[in-house]
Amino acid sequence: MSTTETGHVTGTKDKDYNILWFTEACLDNALRLETFIQDAEREGDNELAEFFKKAQTDSRKGAEQGKRLLASRLSG
């Protein structure tokens, strides 16, 4: 018996779980970065705020890609 979960216990294959995890991590990161942006703006550090805004945009993009990929795989 393998000690690695491959969907037998959860009913979700690792590859599908990995997409779910990635999407959730991107969404969580976008939320966390909002706090970082506010902190930088409060301190008047526009360079840092812009850096975090770009990272937040990238996280949102990753989340959207993950959602689309997961939807296409679950509907097919």
PDB file of N, CA and C in Angstrom:
ATOM      1  N   MET A   1       0.847  -1.191   0.000  1.00  0.00           N
ATOM      2  CA  MET A   1       0.000   0.000   0.000  1.00  0.00           C
ATOM      3  C   MET A   1       0.885   1.243   0.000  1.00  0.00           C
ATOM      4  N   SER A   2       0.591   2.192  -0.857  1.00  0.00           N
ATOM      5  CA  SER A   2       1.358   3.419  -0.968  1.00  0.00           C
ATOM      6  C   SER A   2       0.951   4.398   0.131  1.00  0.00           C
ATOM      7  N   THR A   3       1.908   5.174   0.600  1.00  0.00           N
ATOM      8  CA  THR A   3       1.612   6.197   1.602  1.00  0.00           C
ATOM      9  C   THR A   3       1.284   7.531   0.954  1.00  0.00           C
ATOM     10  N   THR A   4       1.345   7.598  -0.372  1.00  0.00           N
ATOM     11  CA  THR A   4       1.032   8.823  -1.097  1.00  0.00           C
ATOM     12  C   THR A   4      -0.418   8.797  -1.541  1.00  0.00           C
ATOM     13  N   GLU A   5      -1.136   9.855  -1.226  1.00  0.00           N
ATOM     14  CA  GLU A   5      -2.534   9.980  -1.627  1.00  0.00           C
ATOM     15  C   GLU A   5      -2.598  10.278  -3.116  1.00  0.00           C
ATOM     16  N   THR A   6      -3.292   9.463  -3.864  1.00  0.00           N
ATOM     17  CA  THR A   6      -3.428   9.685  -5.308  1.00  0.00           C
ATOM     18  C   THR A   6      -4.899   9.769  -5.709  1.00  0.00           C
ATOM     19  N   GLY A   7      -5.752  10.099  -4.754  1.00  0.00           N
ATOM     20  CA  GLY A   7      -7.167  10.246  -5.035  1.00  0.00           C
ATOM     21  C   GLY A   7      -8.024   9.125  -4.491  1.00  0.00           C
ATOM     22  N   HIS A   8      -7.386   8.078  -3.984  1.00  0.00           N
ATOM     23  CA  HIS A   8      -8.154   6.954  -3.470  1.00  0.00           C
ATOM     24  C   HIS A   8      -8.924   7.334  -2.199  1.00  0.00           C
ATOM     25  N   VAL A   9      -8.332   8.179  -1.367  1.00  0.00           N
ATOM     26  CA  VAL A   9      -8.970   8.582  -0.120  1.00  0.00           C
ATOM     27  C   VAL A   9      -9.900   9.764  -0.333  1.00  0.00           C
ATOM     28  N   THR A  10      -9.423  10.783  -1.051  1.00  0.00           N
ATOM     29  CA  THR A  10     -10.206  12.019  -1.204  1.00  0.00           C
ATOM     30  C   THR A  10     -11.168  11.994  -2.369  1.00  0.00           C
ATOM     31  N   GLY A  11     -10.915  11.120  -3.329  1.00  0.00           N
ATOM     32  CA  GLY A  11     -11.737  11.101  -4.530  1.00  0.00           C
ATOM     33  C   GLY A  11     -11.325  12.165  -5.540  1.00  0.00           C
ATOM     34  N   THR A  12     -10.228  12.855  -5.266  1.00  0.00           N
ATOM     35  CA  THR A  12      -9.713  13.886  -6.166  1.00  0.00           C
ATOM     36  C   THR A  12      -8.305  13.507  -6.576  1.00  0.00           C
ATOM     37  N   LYS A  13      -8.091  13.336  -7.865  1.00  0.00           N
ATOM     38  CA  LYS A  13      -6.773  12.971  -8.358  1.00  0.00           C
ATOM     39  C   LYS A  13      -5.767  14.069  -8.026  1.00  0.00           C
ATOM     40  N   ASP A  14      -4.506  13.664  -7.834  1.00  0.00           N
ATOM     41  CA  ASP A  14      -3.461  14.625  -7.494  1.00  0.00           C
ATOM     42  C   ASP A  14      -3.400  15.784  -8.480  1.00  0.00           C
ATOM     43  N   LYS A  15      -3.466  15.491  -9.769  1.00  0.00           N
ATOM     44  CA  LYS A  15      -3.342  16.567 -10.756  1.00  0.00           C
ATOM     45  C   LYS A  15      -4.483  17.572 -10.632  1.00  0.00           C
ATOM     46  N   ASP A  16      -5.688  17.129 -10.328  1.00  0.00           N
ATOM     47  CA  ASP A  16      -6.807  18.048 -10.132  1.00  0.00           C
ATOM     48  C   ASP A  16      -6.643  18.815  -8.822  1.00  0.00           C
ATOM     49  N   TYR A  17      -6.207  18.116  -7.778  1.00  0.00           N
ATOM     50  CA  TYR A  17      -5.948  18.775  -6.498  1.00  0.00           C
ATOM     51  C   TYR A  17      -4.885  19.848  -6.665  1.00  0.00           C
ATOM     52  N   ASN A  18      -3.852  19.552  -7.449  1.00  0.00           N
ATOM     53  CA  ASN A  18      -2.773  20.513  -7.656  1.00  0.00           C
ATOM     54  C   ASN A  18      -3.290  21.789  -8.315  1.00  0.00           C
ATOM     55  N   ILE A  19      -4.215  21.658  -9.256  1.00  0.00           N
ATOM     56  CA  ILE A  19      -4.809  22.842  -9.886  1.00  0.00           C
ATOM     57  C   ILE A  19      -5.617  23.626  -8.851  1.00  0.00           C
ATOM     58  N   LEU A  20      -6.382  22.911  -8.041  1.00  0.00           N
ATOM     59  CA  LEU A  20      -7.153  23.569  -6.983  1.00  0.00           C
ATOM     60  C   LEU A  20      -6.236  24.310  -6.019  1.00  0.00           C
ATOM     61  N   TRP A  21      -5.173  23.635  -5.599  1.00  0.00           N
ATOM     62  CA  TRP A  21      -4.235  24.240  -4.659  1.00  0.00           C
ATOM     63  C   TRP A  21      -3.594  25.486  -5.259  1.00  0.00           C
ATOM     64  N   PHE A  22      -3.136  25.390  -6.504  1.00  0.00           N
ATOM     65  CA  PHE A  22      -2.497  26.513  -7.175  1.00  0.00           C
ATOM     66  C   PHE A  22      -3.445  27.708  -7.239  1.00  0.00           C
ATOM     67  N   THR A  23      -4.684  27.459  -7.628  1.00  0.00           N
ATOM     68  CA  THR A  23      -5.668  28.529  -7.755  1.00  0.00           C
ATOM     69  C   THR A  23      -5.918  29.194  -6.411  1.00  0.00           C
ATOM     70  N   GLU A  24      -6.080  28.389  -5.384  1.00  0.00           N
ATOM     71  CA  GLU A  24      -6.307  28.928  -4.035  1.00  0.00           C
ATOM     72  C   GLU A  24      -5.104  29.729  -3.562  1.00  0.00           C
ATOM     73  N   ALA A  25      -3.907  29.248  -3.834  1.00  0.00           N
ATOM     74  CA  ALA A  25      -2.693  29.947  -3.415  1.00  0.00           C
ATOM     75  C   ALA A  25      -2.588  31.303  -4.119  1.00  0.00           C
ATOM     76  N   CYS A  26      -2.938  31.355  -5.394  1.00  0.00           N
ATOM     77  CA  CYS A  26      -2.926  32.619  -6.132  1.00  0.00           C
ATOM     78  C   CYS A  26      -3.931  33.607  -5.549  1.00  0.00           C
ATOM     79  N   LEU A  27      -5.127  33.132  -5.244  1.00  0.00           N
ATOM     80  CA  LEU A  27      -6.152  33.999  -4.672  1.00  0.00           C
ATOM     81  C   LEU A  27      -5.736  34.499  -3.292  1.00  0.00           C
ATOM     82  N   ASP A  28      -5.184  33.619  -2.480  1.00  0.00           N
ATOM     83  CA  ASP A  28      -4.709  33.993  -1.149  1.00  0.00           C
ATOM     84  C   ASP A  28      -3.594  35.031  -1.261  1.00  0.00           C
ATOM     85  N   ASN A  29      -2.694  34.827  -2.202  1.00  0.00           N
ATOM     86  CA  ASN A  29      -1.600  35.762  -2.401  1.00  0.00           C
ATOM     87  C   ASN A  29      -2.117  37.136  -2.820  1.00  0.00           C
ATOM     88  N   ALA A  30      -3.116  37.171  -3.701  1.00  0.00           N
ATOM     89  CA  ALA A  30      -3.695  38.446  -4.131  1.00  0.00           C
ATOM     90  C   ALA A  30      -4.281  39.204  -2.939  1.00  0.00           C
ATOM     91  N   LEU A  31      -4.923  38.484  -2.035  1.00  0.00           N
ATOM     92  CA  LEU A  31      -5.480  39.116  -0.835  1.00  0.00           C
ATOM     93  C   LEU A  31      -4.375  39.648   0.072  1.00  0.00           C
ATOM     94  N   ARG A  32      -3.355  38.866   0.302  1.00  0.00           N
ATOM     95  CA  ARG A  32      -2.242  39.268   1.165  1.00  0.00           C
ATOM     96  C   ARG A  32      -1.516  40.480   0.583  1.00  0.00           C
ATOM     97  N   LEU A  33      -1.343  40.477  -0.733  1.00  0.00           N
ATOM     98  CA  LEU A  33      -0.655  41.591  -1.373  1.00  0.00           C
ATOM     99  C   LEU A  33      -1.414  42.900  -1.224  1.00  0.00           C
ATOM    100  N   GLU A  34      -2.728  42.838  -1.076  1.00  0.00           N
ATOM    101  CA  GLU A  34      -3.512  44.058  -0.855  1.00  0.00           C
ATOM    102  C   GLU A  34      -3.045  44.752   0.422  1.00  0.00           C
ATOM    103  N   THR A  35      -2.766  43.983   1.449  1.00  0.00           N
ATOM    104  CA  THR A  35      -2.246  44.547   2.692  1.00  0.00           C
ATOM    105  C   THR A  35      -0.865  45.147   2.470  1.00  0.00           C
ATOM    106  N   PHE A  36      -0.028  44.467   1.722  1.00  0.00           N
ATOM    107  CA  PHE A  36       1.315  44.971   1.439  1.00  0.00           C
ATOM    108  C   PHE A  36       1.251  46.287   0.669  1.00  0.00           C
ATOM    109  N   ILE A  37       0.316  46.364  -0.291  1.00  0.00           N
ATOM    110  CA  ILE A  37       0.143  47.585  -1.081  1.00  0.00           C
ATOM    111  C   ILE A  37      -0.266  48.740  -0.172  1.00  0.00           C
ATOM    112  N   GLN A  38      -1.236  48.486   0.688  1.00  0.00           N
ATOM    113  CA  GLN A  38      -1.707  49.527   1.608  1.00  0.00           C
ATOM    114  C   GLN A  38      -0.602  49.988   2.549  1.00  0.00           C
ATOM    115  N   ASP A  39       0.199  49.045   3.037  1.00  0.00           N
ATOM    116  CA  ASP A  39       1.314  49.399   3.914  1.00  0.00           C
ATOM    117  C   ASP A  39       2.312  50.294   3.191  1.00  0.00           C
ATOM    118  N   ALA A  40       2.658  49.926   1.957  1.00  0.00           N
ATOM    119  CA  ALA A  40       3.616  50.715   1.185  1.00  0.00           C
ATOM    120  C   ALA A  40       3.060  52.105   0.881  1.00  0.00           C
ATOM    121  N   GLU A  41       1.786  52.169   0.510  1.00  0.00           N
ATOM    122  CA  GLU A  41       1.168  53.459   0.208  1.00  0.00           C
ATOM    123  C   GLU A  41       1.107  54.340   1.448  1.00  0.00           C
ATOM    124  N   ARG A  42       0.794  53.751   2.585  1.00  0.00           N
ATOM    125  CA  ARG A  42       0.724  54.496   3.834  1.00  0.00           C
ATOM    126  C   ARG A  42       2.083  55.127   4.176  1.00  0.00           C
ATOM    127  N   GLU A  43       3.163  54.412   3.803  1.00  0.00           N
ATOM    128  CA  GLU A  43       4.516  54.910   4.059  1.00  0.00           C
ATOM    129  C   GLU A  43       5.036  55.799   2.934  1.00  0.00           C
ATOM    130  N   GLY A  44       4.217  55.988   1.886  1.00  0.00           N
ATOM    131  CA  GLY A  44       4.627  56.838   0.784  1.00  0.00           C
ATOM    132  C   GLY A  44       5.659  56.206  -0.137  1.00  0.00           C
ATOM    133  N   ASP A  45       5.773  54.891  -0.108  1.00  0.00           N
ATOM    134  CA  ASP A  45       6.751  54.180  -0.941  1.00  0.00           C
ATOM    135  C   ASP A  45       6.054  53.698  -2.209  1.00  0.00           C
ATOM    136  N   ASN A  46       5.992  54.586  -3.189  1.00  0.00           N
ATOM    137  CA  ASN A  46       5.281  54.272  -4.429  1.00  0.00           C
ATOM    138  C   ASN A  46       5.952  53.165  -5.221  1.00  0.00           C
ATOM    139  N   GLU A  47       7.275  53.120  -5.186  1.00  0.00           N
ATOM    140  CA  GLU A  47       7.991  52.064  -5.906  1.00  0.00           C
ATOM    141  C   GLU A  47       7.596  50.687  -5.374  1.00  0.00           C
ATOM    142  N   LEU A  48       7.555  50.550  -4.064  1.00  0.00           N
ATOM    143  CA  LEU A  48       7.180  49.277  -3.461  1.00  0.00           C
ATOM    144  C   LEU A  48       5.711  48.955  -3.700  1.00  0.00           C
ATOM    145  N   ALA A  49       4.856  49.960  -3.625  1.00  0.00           N
ATOM    146  CA  ALA A  49       3.426  49.754  -3.885  1.00  0.00           C
ATOM    147  C   ALA A  49       3.216  49.251  -5.309  1.00  0.00           C
ATOM    148  N   GLU A  50       3.912  49.850  -6.262  1.00  0.00           N
ATOM    149  CA  GLU A  50       3.793  49.408  -7.657  1.00  0.00           C
ATOM    150  C   GLU A  50       4.320  47.986  -7.837  1.00  0.00           C
ATOM    151  N   PHE A  51       5.394  47.663  -7.155  1.00  0.00           N
ATOM    152  CA  PHE A  51       5.943  46.306  -7.200  1.00  0.00           C
ATOM    153  C   PHE A  51       4.897  45.298  -6.731  1.00  0.00           C
ATOM    154  N   PHE A  52       4.260  45.593  -5.600  1.00  0.00           N
ATOM    155  CA  PHE A  52       3.247  44.686  -5.061  1.00  0.00           C
ATOM    156  C   PHE A  52       1.994  44.660  -5.939  1.00  0.00           C
ATOM    157  N   LYS A  53       1.645  45.771  -6.557  1.00  0.00           N
ATOM    158  CA  LYS A  53       0.490  45.791  -7.461  1.00  0.00           C
ATOM    159  C   LYS A  53       0.722  44.889  -8.668  1.00  0.00           C
ATOM    160  N   LYS A  54       1.937  44.917  -9.201  1.00  0.00           N
ATOM    161  CA  LYS A  54       2.259  44.037 -10.323  1.00  0.00           C
ATOM    162  C   LYS A  54       2.186  42.581  -9.886  1.00  0.00           C
ATOM    163  N   ALA A  55       2.721  42.287  -8.718  1.00  0.00           N
ATOM    164  CA  ALA A  55       2.666  40.922  -8.204  1.00  0.00           C
ATOM    165  C   ALA A  55       1.216  40.489  -7.988  1.00  0.00           C
ATOM    166  N   GLN A  56       0.378  41.404  -7.520  1.00  0.00           N
ATOM    167  CA  GLN A  56      -1.037  41.096  -7.306  1.00  0.00           C
ATOM    168  C   GLN A  56      -1.726  40.817  -8.638  1.00  0.00           C
ATOM    169  N   THR A  57      -1.418  41.596  -9.653  1.00  0.00           N
ATOM    170  CA  THR A  57      -1.977  41.362 -10.985  1.00  0.00           C
ATOM    171  C   THR A  57      -1.571  39.986 -11.497  1.00  0.00           C
ATOM    172  N   ASP A  58      -0.308  39.631 -11.291  1.00  0.00           N
ATOM    173  CA  ASP A  58       0.170  38.313 -11.720  1.00  0.00           C
ATOM    174  C   ASP A  58      -0.539  37.194 -10.949  1.00  0.00           C
ATOM    175  N   SER A  59      -0.777  37.396  -9.663  1.00  0.00           N
ATOM    176  CA  SER A  59      -1.480  36.387  -8.866  1.00  0.00           C
ATOM    177  C   SER A  59      -2.920  36.219  -9.334  1.00  0.00           C
ATOM    178  N   ARG A  60      -3.572  37.335  -9.632  1.00  0.00           N
ATOM    179  CA  ARG A  60      -4.944  37.261 -10.154  1.00  0.00           C
ATOM    180  C   ARG A  60      -4.972  36.527 -11.491  1.00  0.00           C
ATOM    181  N   LYS A  61      -3.987  36.810 -12.330  1.00  0.00           N
ATOM    182  CA  LYS A  61      -3.904  36.148 -13.629  1.00  0.00           C
ATOM    183  C   LYS A  61      -3.732  34.641 -13.438  1.00  0.00           C
ATOM    184  N   GLY A  62      -2.856  34.237 -12.536  1.00  0.00           N
ATOM    185  CA  GLY A  62      -2.663  32.819 -12.256  1.00  0.00           C
ATOM    186  C   GLY A  62      -3.936  32.163 -11.758  1.00  0.00           C
ATOM    187  N   ALA A  63      -4.664  32.866 -10.897  1.00  0.00           N
ATOM    188  CA  ALA A  63      -5.920  32.323 -10.376  1.00  0.00           C
ATOM    189  C   ALA A  63      -6.939  32.140 -11.496  1.00  0.00           C
ATOM    190  N   GLU A  64      -7.042  33.117 -12.371  1.00  0.00           N
ATOM    191  CA  GLU A  64      -7.992  33.016 -13.487  1.00  0.00           C
ATOM    192  C   GLU A  64      -7.616  31.866 -14.421  1.00  0.00           C
ATOM    193  N   GLN A  65      -6.332  31.720 -14.692  1.00  0.00           N
ATOM    194  CA  GLN A  65      -5.886  30.613 -15.532  1.00  0.00           C
ATOM    195  C   GLN A  65      -6.205  29.276 -14.867  1.00  0.00           C
ATOM    196  N   GLY A  66      -5.970  29.185 -13.574  1.00  0.00           N
ATOM    197  CA  GLY A  66      -6.268  27.955 -12.848  1.00  0.00           C
ATOM    198  C   GLY A  66      -7.753  27.632 -12.866  1.00  0.00           C
ATOM    199  N   LYS A  67      -8.585  28.651 -12.689  1.00  0.00           N
ATOM    200  CA  LYS A  67     -10.032  28.426 -12.708  1.00  0.00           C
ATOM    201  C   LYS A  67     -10.495  27.945 -14.072  1.00  0.00           C
ATOM    202  N   ARG A  68      -9.968  28.566 -15.132  1.00  0.00           N
ATOM    203  CA  ARG A  68     -10.356  28.145 -16.479  1.00  0.00           C
ATOM    204  C   ARG A  68      -9.911  26.711 -16.769  1.00  0.00           C
ATOM    205  N   LEU A  69      -8.688  26.386 -16.394  1.00  0.00           N
ATOM    206  CA  LEU A  69      -8.172  25.049 -16.633  1.00  0.00           C
ATOM    207  C   LEU A  69      -8.981  24.015 -15.856  1.00  0.00           C
ATOM    208  N   LEU A  70      -9.254  24.294 -14.605  1.00  0.00           N
ATOM    209  CA  LEU A  70     -10.030  23.367 -13.797  1.00  0.00           C
ATOM    210  C   LEU A  70     -11.439  23.194 -14.358  1.00  0.00           C
ATOM    211  N   ALA A  71     -12.072  24.287 -14.760  1.00  0.00           N
ATOM    212  CA  ALA A  71     -13.422  24.207 -15.326  1.00  0.00           C
ATOM    213  C   ALA A  71     -13.443  23.355 -16.581  1.00  0.00           C
ATOM    214  N   SER A  72     -12.446  23.539 -17.436  1.00  0.00           N
ATOM    215  CA  SER A  72     -12.427  22.774 -18.688  1.00  0.00           C
ATOM    216  C   SER A  72     -12.208  21.295 -18.422  1.00  0.00           C
ATOM    217  N   ARG A  73     -11.432  20.979 -17.411  1.00  0.00           N
ATOM    218  CA  ARG A  73     -11.165  19.581 -17.115  1.00  0.00           C
ATOM    219  C   ARG A  73     -12.323  18.897 -16.393  1.00  0.00           C
ATOM    220  N   LEU A  74     -13.044  19.662 -15.574  1.00  0.00           N
ATOM    221  CA  LEU A  74     -14.170  19.068 -14.849  1.00  0.00           C
ATOM    222  C   LEU A  74     -15.402  18.935 -15.728  1.00  0.00           C
ATOM    223  N   SER A  75     -15.510  19.770 -16.750  1.00  0.00           N
ATOM    224  CA  SER A  75     -16.686  19.696 -17.624  1.00  0.00           C
ATOM    225  C   SER A  75     -16.499  18.706 -18.759  1.00  0.00           C
ATOM    226  N   GLY A  76     -15.260  18.262 -18.943  1.00  0.00           N
ATOM    227  CA  GLY A  76     -14.986  17.377 -20.078  1.00  0.00           C
ATOM    228  C   GLY A  76     -14.919  15.932 -19.772  1.00  0.00           C
TER     229      GLY A  76
END
